[in-house]
Amino acid sequence: MVEPSSLRFSTNEFGKPKVIWPARMEDNKIWSPHSLCFNLSHTQSLLACAVTMNGEVGVDVEESDRKLSRNLMSLARRRFSPEEADWLSHFEDSTEQRRRFMQLWTLKEAYIKALGTGISKTPLKDFTFALKPCVYARSYLERAVGFPAHPQAEAISMKFSSLMSSNDEPTIPAEKWQFILLQPSPLHIASVCTHVQQFNSPGENLEGKSVKNISLKMWRTVPLVEDQYLTEGAVALGISSPASERSVYLSAVSSKNHPL
């Protein structure tokens, strides 16, 4: 048990906080534990908290039936990159187009929240996500998250806009970010983003090449009562590659009216 009063925080240049542990003495050497990075997101019926060690993390959760603009494509062309808007325009079914819009939105929000910059500093048009079918994605996802993946789970990739000036380009390359897209419940869509810093243990990426594994552990939390490892009702939808040896812990707190 960690006493809350013992926690110490630091912030990045944009004000995003993380927990800094005090240095320890082991074998006559001073050892500083990895910092604990965290991020919060909430809707009217769900609050999500993502936690990882020594790697920035961002999470975004949205209601699946969140009210959106009647002209969804107009909104997409204003806010998303041209490639993303063109991709969305190919979905003739309005329900599927809406679902895909929400997937892109949560991925973008999770990335910006991992950076801690905000949309004003990192415009949504400056980076592009692609979701594509992949034969390896389902089995890879299920190993990573421990709950069922969608039969048509997809590979996620991100790139920066070619129109972005060299002064504005992020210091961390796009391929150094890892993403998982999921439905924590039938009523919600969520994305988790974490920074890949190093490769320490073997695994396989979506092409079967040797890389490192990410793991996502998710709990349903009843405040001050219990934390229950969540597997039922959650579905994993997509994952990016390569991955890293990084564990992300996602706690979901639901309201009484909208249980997980």
C-alpha atoms as a PDB file:
ATOM      1  CA  MET A   1       0.000   0.000   0.000  1.00  0.00           C
ATOM      2  CA  VAL A   2       1.353   3.395  -1.015  1.00  0.00           C
ATOM      3  CA  GLU A   3       0.405   6.356   1.128  1.00  0.00           C
ATOM      4  CA  PRO A   4      -1.158   9.040  -1.113  1.00  0.00           C
ATOM      5  CA  SER A   5       0.731  11.734   0.772  1.00  0.00           C
ATOM      6  CA  SER A   6       4.020  10.111  -0.300  1.00  0.00           C
ATOM      7  CA  LEU A   7       3.369  10.557  -4.020  1.00  0.00           C
ATOM      8  CA  ARG A   8       5.499  13.084  -5.868  1.00  0.00           C
ATOM      9  CA  PHE A   9       4.711  14.432  -9.316  1.00  0.00           C
ATOM     10  CA  SER A  10       6.581  16.039 -12.170  1.00  0.00           C
ATOM     11  CA  THR A  11       5.179  17.542 -15.367  1.00  0.00           C
ATOM     12  CA  ASN A  12       6.356  17.835 -18.945  1.00  0.00           C
ATOM     13  CA  GLU A  13       6.605  21.184 -20.740  1.00  0.00           C
ATOM     14  CA  PHE A  14       2.867  21.081 -21.473  1.00  0.00           C
ATOM     15  CA  GLY A  15       1.841  20.346 -17.891  1.00  0.00           C
ATOM     16  CA  LYS A  16       1.090  16.616 -18.206  1.00  0.00           C
ATOM     17  CA  PRO A  17       1.851  14.957 -14.812  1.00  0.00           C
ATOM     18  CA  LYS A  18       3.479  11.646 -13.888  1.00  0.00           C
ATOM     19  CA  VAL A  19       4.462  10.031 -10.605  1.00  0.00           C
ATOM     20  CA  ILE A  20       8.131  10.133  -9.599  1.00  0.00           C
ATOM     21  CA  TRP A  21       9.294   7.567  -7.051  1.00  0.00           C
ATOM     22  CA  PRO A  22      12.065   8.403  -4.565  1.00  0.00           C
ATOM     23  CA  ALA A  23      15.501   6.938  -5.258  1.00  0.00           C
ATOM     24  CA  ARG A  24      16.447   3.765  -3.378  1.00  0.00           C
ATOM     25  CA  MET A  25      19.697   2.227  -2.224  1.00  0.00           C
ATOM     26  CA  GLU A  26      20.312  -1.348  -3.436  1.00  0.00           C
ATOM     27  CA  ASP A  27      23.642  -3.183  -3.278  1.00  0.00           C
ATOM     28  CA  ASN A  28      25.312   0.066  -2.252  1.00  0.00           C
ATOM     29  CA  LYS A  29      24.058   1.725  -5.410  1.00  0.00           C
ATOM     30  CA  ILE A  30      21.424   4.412  -5.827  1.00  0.00           C
ATOM     31  CA  TRP A  31      18.556   3.152  -7.966  1.00  0.00           C
ATOM     32  CA  SER A  32      15.703   5.283  -9.287  1.00  0.00           C
ATOM     33  CA  PRO A  33      12.517   3.332 -10.113  1.00  0.00           C
ATOM     34  CA  HIS A  34      10.797   4.034 -13.417  1.00  0.00           C
ATOM     35  CA  SER A  35       8.279   6.824 -13.277  1.00  0.00           C
ATOM     36  CA  LEU A  36       4.589   5.914 -13.335  1.00  0.00           C
ATOM     37  CA  CYS A  37       2.756   7.491 -16.254  1.00  0.00           C
ATOM     38  CA  PHE A  38      -1.017   7.766 -16.329  1.00  0.00           C
ATOM     39  CA  ASN A  39      -3.876   9.362 -18.228  1.00  0.00           C
ATOM     40  CA  LEU A  40      -7.612   9.793 -17.678  1.00  0.00           C
ATOM     41  CA  SER A  41     -10.642   9.944 -19.938  1.00  0.00           C
ATOM     42  CA  HIS A  42     -14.348   9.928 -19.172  1.00  0.00           C
ATOM     43  CA  THR A  43     -17.833   9.983 -20.620  1.00  0.00           C
ATOM     44  CA  GLN A  44     -21.158  10.408 -18.826  1.00  0.00           C
ATOM     45  CA  SER A  45     -21.207   6.675 -18.026  1.00  0.00           C
ATOM     46  CA  LEU A  46     -17.563   5.562 -17.928  1.00  0.00           C
ATOM     47  CA  LEU A  47     -14.263   6.777 -16.549  1.00  0.00           C
ATOM     48  CA  ALA A  48     -11.015   5.213 -17.808  1.00  0.00           C
ATOM     49  CA  CYS A  49      -7.539   5.459 -16.277  1.00  0.00           C
ATOM     50  CA  ALA A  50      -4.522   4.073 -18.174  1.00  0.00           C
ATOM     51  CA  VAL A  51      -1.279   3.451 -16.271  1.00  0.00           C
ATOM     52  CA  THR A  52       2.155   2.278 -17.410  1.00  0.00           C
ATOM     53  CA  MET A  53       5.762   2.438 -16.238  1.00  0.00           C
ATOM     54  CA  ASN A  54       8.448   4.588 -17.870  1.00  0.00           C
ATOM     55  CA  GLY A  55       6.582   5.346 -21.055  1.00  0.00           C
ATOM     56  CA  GLU A  56       4.053   8.035 -21.908  1.00  0.00           C
ATOM     57  CA  VAL A  57       0.471   6.824 -22.177  1.00  0.00           C
ATOM     58  CA  GLY A  58      -2.782   8.309 -23.429  1.00  0.00           C
ATOM     59  CA  VAL A  59      -6.343   6.982 -23.359  1.00  0.00           C
ATOM     60  CA  ASP A  60      -9.589   8.189 -24.865  1.00  0.00           C
ATOM     61  CA  VAL A  61     -13.034   6.670 -24.297  1.00  0.00           C
ATOM     62  CA  GLU A  62     -16.257   7.764 -25.968  1.00  0.00           C
ATOM     63  CA  GLU A  63     -19.901   6.773 -25.939  1.00  0.00           C
ATOM     64  CA  SER A  64     -20.609   4.706 -29.056  1.00  0.00           C
ATOM     65  CA  ASP A  65     -23.800   6.705 -29.622  1.00  0.00           C
ATOM     66  CA  ARG A  66     -22.188  10.096 -28.959  1.00  0.00           C
ATOM     67  CA  LYS A  67     -24.056  12.895 -30.724  1.00  0.00           C
ATOM     68  CA  LEU A  68     -22.188  13.961 -33.874  1.00  0.00           C
ATOM     69  CA  SER A  69     -22.689  16.433 -36.687  1.00  0.00           C
ATOM     70  CA  ARG A  70     -25.432  15.534 -39.148  1.00  0.00           C
ATOM     71  CA  ASN A  71     -22.939  16.107 -41.961  1.00  0.00           C
ATOM     72  CA  LEU A  72     -20.252  13.754 -40.742  1.00  0.00           C
ATOM     73  CA  MET A  73     -18.088  13.999 -43.851  1.00  0.00           C
ATOM     74  CA  SER A  74     -17.996  17.778 -43.623  1.00  0.00           C
ATOM     75  CA  LEU A  75     -16.746  17.457 -40.056  1.00  0.00           C
ATOM     76  CA  ALA A  76     -14.203  14.828 -41.091  1.00  0.00           C
ATOM     77  CA  ARG A  77     -12.782  17.017 -43.864  1.00  0.00           C
ATOM     78  CA  ARG A  78     -12.440  19.932 -41.429  1.00  0.00           C
ATOM     79  CA  ARG A  79     -10.787  17.984 -38.624  1.00  0.00           C
ATOM     80  CA  PHE A  80      -9.097  14.898 -40.106  1.00  0.00           C
ATOM     81  CA  SER A  81      -6.319  14.495 -42.661  1.00  0.00           C
ATOM     82  CA  PRO A  82      -7.308  14.241 -46.355  1.00  0.00           C
ATOM     83  CA  GLU A  83      -6.380  10.534 -46.398  1.00  0.00           C
ATOM     84  CA  GLU A  84      -8.609   9.784 -43.409  1.00  0.00           C
ATOM     85  CA  ALA A  85     -11.523  11.763 -44.843  1.00  0.00           C
ATOM     86  CA  ASP A  86     -11.204   9.955 -48.188  1.00  0.00           C
ATOM     87  CA  TRP A  87     -11.159   6.608 -46.381  1.00  0.00           C
ATOM     88  CA  LEU A  88     -14.308   7.483 -44.459  1.00  0.00           C
ATOM     89  CA  SER A  89     -16.100   8.587 -47.632  1.00  0.00           C
ATOM     90  CA  HIS A  90     -15.921   5.046 -49.023  1.00  0.00           C
ATOM     91  CA  PHE A  91     -18.311   3.755 -46.348  1.00  0.00           C
ATOM     92  CA  GLU A  92     -21.766   4.157 -47.846  1.00  0.00           C
ATOM     93  CA  ASP A  93     -23.585   2.814 -44.783  1.00  0.00           C
ATOM     94  CA  SER A  94     -24.043   5.728 -42.372  1.00  0.00           C
ATOM     95  CA  THR A  95     -23.827   3.503 -39.279  1.00  0.00           C
ATOM     96  CA  GLU A  96     -20.512   2.008 -40.378  1.00  0.00           C
ATOM     97  CA  GLN A  97     -19.176   5.437 -41.361  1.00  0.00           C
ATOM     98  CA  ARG A  98     -20.052   6.761 -37.927  1.00  0.00           C
ATOM     99  CA  ARG A  99     -18.389   3.781 -36.240  1.00  0.00           C
ATOM    100  CA  ARG A 100     -15.224   4.331 -38.249  1.00  0.00           C
ATOM    101  CA  PHE A 101     -15.245   8.052 -37.472  1.00  0.00           C
ATOM    102  CA  MET A 102     -15.329   7.280 -33.747  1.00  0.00           C
ATOM    103  CA  GLN A 103     -12.449   4.828 -34.101  1.00  0.00           C
ATOM    104  CA  LEU A 104     -10.280   7.472 -35.762  1.00  0.00           C
ATOM    105  CA  TRP A 105     -11.327  10.078 -33.204  1.00  0.00           C
ATOM    106  CA  THR A 106     -10.339   7.983 -30.189  1.00  0.00           C
ATOM    107  CA  LEU A 107      -7.000   7.007 -31.777  1.00  0.00           C
ATOM    108  CA  LYS A 108      -6.186  10.653 -32.443  1.00  0.00           C
ATOM    109  CA  GLU A 109      -7.258  11.763 -28.976  1.00  0.00           C
ATOM    110  CA  ALA A 110      -5.227   8.999 -27.307  1.00  0.00           C
ATOM    111  CA  TYR A 111      -2.090  10.045 -29.215  1.00  0.00           C
ATOM    112  CA  ILE A 112      -2.490  13.745 -28.382  1.00  0.00           C
ATOM    113  CA  LYS A 113      -3.139  12.877 -24.735  1.00  0.00           C
ATOM    114  CA  ALA A 114      -0.021  10.699 -24.628  1.00  0.00           C
ATOM    115  CA  LEU A 115       1.957  13.713 -25.880  1.00  0.00           C
ATOM    116  CA  GLY A 116       0.146  15.968 -23.417  1.00  0.00           C
ATOM    117  CA  THR A 117       0.102  18.823 -25.925  1.00  0.00           C
ATOM    118  CA  GLY A 118      -3.574  19.383 -26.664  1.00  0.00           C
ATOM    119  CA  ILE A 119      -5.226  19.847 -30.065  1.00  0.00           C
ATOM    120  CA  SER A 120      -4.069  23.463 -30.395  1.00  0.00           C
ATOM    121  CA  LYS A 121      -0.411  22.357 -30.331  1.00  0.00           C
ATOM    122  CA  THR A 122      -0.907  19.127 -32.290  1.00  0.00           C
ATOM    123  CA  PRO A 123      -3.693  19.616 -34.876  1.00  0.00           C
ATOM    124  CA  LEU A 124      -5.647  16.495 -35.842  1.00  0.00           C
ATOM    125  CA  LYS A 125      -4.766  17.028 -39.518  1.00  0.00           C
ATOM    126  CA  ASP A 126      -1.023  16.732 -38.806  1.00  0.00           C
ATOM    127  CA  PHE A 127      -1.059  12.943 -38.504  1.00  0.00           C
ATOM    128  CA  THR A 128      -2.925  10.156 -40.245  1.00  0.00           C
ATOM    129  CA  PHE A 129      -4.188   6.777 -39.060  1.00  0.00           C
ATOM    130  CA  ALA A 130      -4.872   3.790 -41.277  1.00  0.00           C
ATOM    131  CA  LEU A 131      -6.812   0.659 -40.265  1.00  0.00           C
ATOM    132  CA  LYS A 132      -6.337  -2.315 -42.555  1.00  0.00           C
ATOM    133  CA  PRO A 133      -7.280  -6.027 -42.509  1.00  0.00           C
ATOM    134  CA  CYS A 134      -4.496  -8.285 -41.265  1.00  0.00           C
ATOM    135  CA  VAL A 135      -4.506 -12.072 -40.886  1.00  0.00           C
ATOM    136  CA  TYR A 136      -2.275 -11.890 -37.799  1.00  0.00           C
ATOM    137  CA  ALA A 137      -4.151  -9.162 -35.954  1.00  0.00           C
ATOM    138  CA  ARG A 138      -6.760 -11.267 -34.148  1.00  0.00           C
ATOM    139  CA  SER A 139      -4.375 -13.801 -32.592  1.00  0.00           C
ATOM    140  CA  TYR A 140      -1.829 -11.110 -31.793  1.00  0.00           C
ATOM    141  CA  LEU A 141      -4.467  -8.959 -30.096  1.00  0.00           C
ATOM    142  CA  GLU A 142      -5.815 -11.803 -27.991  1.00  0.00           C
ATOM    143  CA  ARG A 143      -2.321 -12.569 -26.710  1.00  0.00           C
ATOM    144  CA  ALA A 144      -1.833  -8.895 -25.901  1.00  0.00           C
ATOM    145  CA  VAL A 145      -5.116  -8.138 -24.139  1.00  0.00           C
ATOM    146  CA  GLY A 146      -6.351 -11.425 -22.680  1.00  0.00           C
ATOM    147  CA  PHE A 147      -9.927 -11.022 -23.912  1.00  0.00           C
ATOM    148  CA  PRO A 148     -11.623 -11.765 -27.252  1.00  0.00           C
ATOM    149  CA  ALA A 149     -10.642  -9.891 -30.402  1.00  0.00           C
ATOM    150  CA  HIS A 150     -13.020  -9.132 -33.232  1.00  0.00           C
ATOM    151  CA  PRO A 151     -12.905 -11.799 -36.000  1.00  0.00           C
ATOM    152  CA  GLN A 152     -11.931  -9.019 -38.427  1.00  0.00           C
ATOM    153  CA  ALA A 153      -9.444  -7.271 -36.151  1.00  0.00           C
ATOM    154  CA  GLU A 154      -7.247  -4.783 -37.978  1.00  0.00           C
ATOM    155  CA  ALA A 155      -3.684  -3.480 -38.078  1.00  0.00           C
ATOM    156  CA  ILE A 156      -3.246   0.173 -37.066  1.00  0.00           C
ATOM    157  CA  SER A 157      -0.568   2.463 -38.482  1.00  0.00           C
ATOM    158  CA  MET A 158       0.171   6.167 -38.036  1.00  0.00           C
ATOM    159  CA  LYS A 159       2.214   8.616 -40.095  1.00  0.00           C
ATOM    160  CA  PHE A 160       2.883  12.343 -39.950  1.00  0.00           C
ATOM    161  CA  SER A 161       1.635  14.715 -42.624  1.00  0.00           C
ATOM    162  CA  SER A 162       4.033  15.459 -45.474  1.00  0.00           C
ATOM    163  CA  LEU A 163       2.877  19.095 -45.252  1.00  0.00           C
ATOM    164  CA  MET A 164       4.152  19.429 -41.681  1.00  0.00           C
ATOM    165  CA  SER A 165       7.190  21.682 -41.412  1.00  0.00           C
ATOM    166  CA  SER A 166      10.411  20.251 -39.994  1.00  0.00           C
ATOM    167  CA  ASN A 167      10.094  22.627 -37.043  1.00  0.00           C
ATOM    168  CA  ASP A 168       6.669  21.219 -36.140  1.00  0.00           C
ATOM    169  CA  GLU A 169       7.478  17.526 -36.623  1.00  0.00           C
ATOM    170  CA  PRO A 170       7.398  15.621 -33.290  1.00  0.00           C
ATOM    171  CA  THR A 171      10.698  14.500 -31.812  1.00  0.00           C
ATOM    172  CA  ILE A 172       9.380  10.937 -31.361  1.00  0.00           C
ATOM    173  CA  PRO A 173       8.940   9.070 -34.701  1.00  0.00           C
ATOM    174  CA  ALA A 174       5.477   7.765 -35.557  1.00  0.00           C
ATOM    175  CA  GLU A 175       6.634   4.142 -35.470  1.00  0.00           C
ATOM    176  CA  LYS A 176       7.646   4.543 -31.822  1.00  0.00           C
ATOM    177  CA  TRP A 177       4.013   4.732 -30.704  1.00  0.00           C
ATOM    178  CA  GLN A 178       1.878   1.681 -29.958  1.00  0.00           C
ATOM    179  CA  PHE A 179      -1.926   1.673 -30.238  1.00  0.00           C
ATOM    180  CA  ILE A 180      -4.743  -0.621 -29.157  1.00  0.00           C
ATOM    181  CA  LEU A 181      -8.322   0.010 -30.236  1.00  0.00           C
ATOM    182  CA  LEU A 182     -11.087  -1.679 -28.253  1.00  0.00           C
ATOM    183  CA  GLN A 183     -14.653  -1.723 -27.023  1.00  0.00           C
ATOM    184  CA  PRO A 184     -14.468  -1.880 -23.203  1.00  0.00           C
ATOM    185  CA  SER A 185     -18.228  -2.476 -23.297  1.00  0.00           C
ATOM    186  CA  PRO A 186     -20.929  -2.654 -25.979  1.00  0.00           C
ATOM    187  CA  LEU A 187     -21.701   1.003 -25.209  1.00  0.00           C
ATOM    188  CA  HIS A 188     -18.190   2.440 -25.502  1.00  0.00           C
ATOM    189  CA  ILE A 189     -15.218   2.771 -27.860  1.00  0.00           C
ATOM    190  CA  ALA A 190     -11.688   3.426 -26.566  1.00  0.00           C
ATOM    191  CA  SER A 191      -8.086   3.724 -27.701  1.00  0.00           C
ATOM    192  CA  VAL A 192      -4.849   3.429 -25.746  1.00  0.00           C
ATOM    193  CA  CYS A 193      -1.522   4.864 -26.919  1.00  0.00           C
ATOM    194  CA  THR A 194       1.893   4.270 -25.368  1.00  0.00           C
ATOM    195  CA  HIS A 195       5.439   5.236 -26.293  1.00  0.00           C
ATOM    196  CA  VAL A 196       7.766   2.424 -27.405  1.00  0.00           C
ATOM    197  CA  GLN A 197      11.169   3.110 -25.848  1.00  0.00           C
ATOM    198  CA  GLN A 198      13.147  -0.116 -26.041  1.00  0.00           C
ATOM    199  CA  PHE A 199      12.989  -3.770 -27.036  1.00  0.00           C
ATOM    200  CA  ASN A 200      13.882  -6.235 -24.295  1.00  0.00           C
ATOM    201  CA  SER A 201      12.075  -9.538 -24.866  1.00  0.00           C
ATOM    202  CA  PRO A 202      11.088 -11.505 -27.968  1.00  0.00           C
ATOM    203  CA  GLY A 203       7.698 -11.521 -29.617  1.00  0.00           C
ATOM    204  CA  GLU A 204       6.150 -11.277 -33.058  1.00  0.00           C
ATOM    205  CA  ASN A 205       4.689  -8.353 -34.918  1.00  0.00           C
ATOM    206  CA  LEU A 206       1.771  -8.456 -37.330  1.00  0.00           C
ATOM    207  CA  GLU A 207       4.017  -9.762 -40.106  1.00  0.00           C
ATOM    208  CA  GLY A 208       5.407 -12.539 -37.916  1.00  0.00           C
ATOM    209  CA  LYS A 209       8.772 -10.833 -37.410  1.00  0.00           C
ATOM    210  CA  SER A 210      10.539 -10.914 -34.059  1.00  0.00           C
ATOM    211  CA  VAL A 211       9.752  -7.815 -31.971  1.00  0.00           C
ATOM    212  CA  LYS A 212       8.457  -7.182 -28.444  1.00  0.00           C
ATOM    213  CA  ASN A 213       5.056  -7.776 -26.914  1.00  0.00           C
ATOM    214  CA  ILE A 214       2.696  -5.260 -25.396  1.00  0.00           C
ATOM    215  CA  SER A 215       0.151  -6.368 -22.829  1.00  0.00           C
ATOM    216  CA  LEU A 216      -3.047  -4.631 -21.784  1.00  0.00           C
ATOM    217  CA  LYS A 217      -4.718  -5.597 -18.513  1.00  0.00           C
ATOM    218  CA  MET A 218      -8.164  -4.155 -17.874  1.00  0.00           C
ATOM    219  CA  TRP A 219     -10.162  -3.936 -14.661  1.00  0.00           C
ATOM    220  CA  ARG A 220     -13.670  -2.924 -13.816  1.00  0.00           C
ATOM    221  CA  THR A 221     -13.400  -0.776 -10.725  1.00  0.00           C
ATOM    222  CA  VAL A 222     -16.033  -0.153  -8.104  1.00  0.00           C
ATOM    223  CA  PRO A 223     -14.560   2.762  -6.111  1.00  0.00           C
ATOM    224  CA  LEU A 224     -13.545   1.821  -2.570  1.00  0.00           C
ATOM    225  CA  VAL A 225     -15.060  -1.654  -3.024  1.00  0.00           C
ATOM    226  CA  GLU A 226     -13.218  -3.872  -5.537  1.00  0.00           C
ATOM    227  CA  ASP A 227     -11.180  -4.182  -8.712  1.00  0.00           C
ATOM    228  CA  GLN A 228     -12.329  -7.013 -10.969  1.00  0.00           C
ATOM    229  CA  TYR A 229     -10.245  -8.254 -13.914  1.00  0.00           C
ATOM    230  CA  LEU A 230     -12.451  -7.597 -16.919  1.00  0.00           C
ATOM    231  CA  THR A 231     -12.826 -10.039 -19.790  1.00  0.00           C
ATOM    232  CA  GLU A 232     -16.567 -10.316 -20.402  1.00  0.00           C
ATOM    233  CA  GLY A 233     -18.141  -7.776 -22.739  1.00  0.00           C
ATOM    234  CA  ALA A 234     -14.844  -6.313 -23.953  1.00  0.00           C
ATOM    235  CA  VAL A 235     -13.739  -6.745 -27.582  1.00  0.00           C
ATOM    236  CA  ALA A 236     -10.352  -5.797 -29.048  1.00  0.00           C
ATOM    237  CA  LEU A 237     -10.593  -4.238 -32.502  1.00  0.00           C
ATOM    238  CA  GLY A 238      -7.080  -3.299 -33.636  1.00  0.00           C
ATOM    239  CA  ILE A 239      -3.400  -3.062 -32.754  1.00  0.00           C
ATOM    240  CA  SER A 240      -0.313  -1.434 -34.232  1.00  0.00           C
ATOM    241  CA  SER A 241       3.019  -3.033 -35.034  1.00  0.00           C
ATOM    242  CA  PRO A 242       5.811  -3.227 -34.039  1.00  0.00           C
ATOM    243  CA  ALA A 243       5.117  -3.621 -30.327  1.00  0.00           C
ATOM    244  CA  SER A 244       7.275  -3.285 -27.239  1.00  0.00           C
ATOM    245  CA  GLU A 245       7.593  -4.963 -23.903  1.00  0.00           C
ATOM    246  CA  ARG A 246       5.165  -2.623 -22.249  1.00  0.00           C
ATOM    247  CA  SER A 247       2.323  -3.362 -19.855  1.00  0.00           C
ATOM    248  CA  VAL A 248      -0.602  -0.967 -19.823  1.00  0.00           C
ATOM    249  CA  TYR A 249      -3.202  -1.155 -17.070  1.00  0.00           C
ATOM    250  CA  LEU A 250      -6.660   0.186 -17.854  1.00  0.00           C
ATOM    251  CA  SER A 251      -9.203   0.690 -15.100  1.00  0.00           C
ATOM    252  CA  ALA A 252     -12.787   1.375 -16.142  1.00  0.00           C
ATOM    253  CA  VAL A 253     -15.260   2.823 -13.676  1.00  0.00           C
ATOM    254  CA  SER A 254     -18.867   2.610 -14.817  1.00  0.00           C
ATOM    255  CA  SER A 255     -22.003   4.272 -13.553  1.00  0.00           C
ATOM    256  CA  LYS A 256     -24.899   2.301 -12.082  1.00  0.00           C
ATOM    257  CA  ASN A 257     -27.061   3.132 -15.090  1.00  0.00           C
ATOM    258  CA  HIS A 258     -24.488   1.965 -17.616  1.00  0.00           C
ATOM    259  CA  PRO A 259     -22.714  -1.119 -16.205  1.00  0.00           C
ATOM    260  CA  LEU A 260     -19.846  -2.701 -18.035  1.00  0.00           C
END
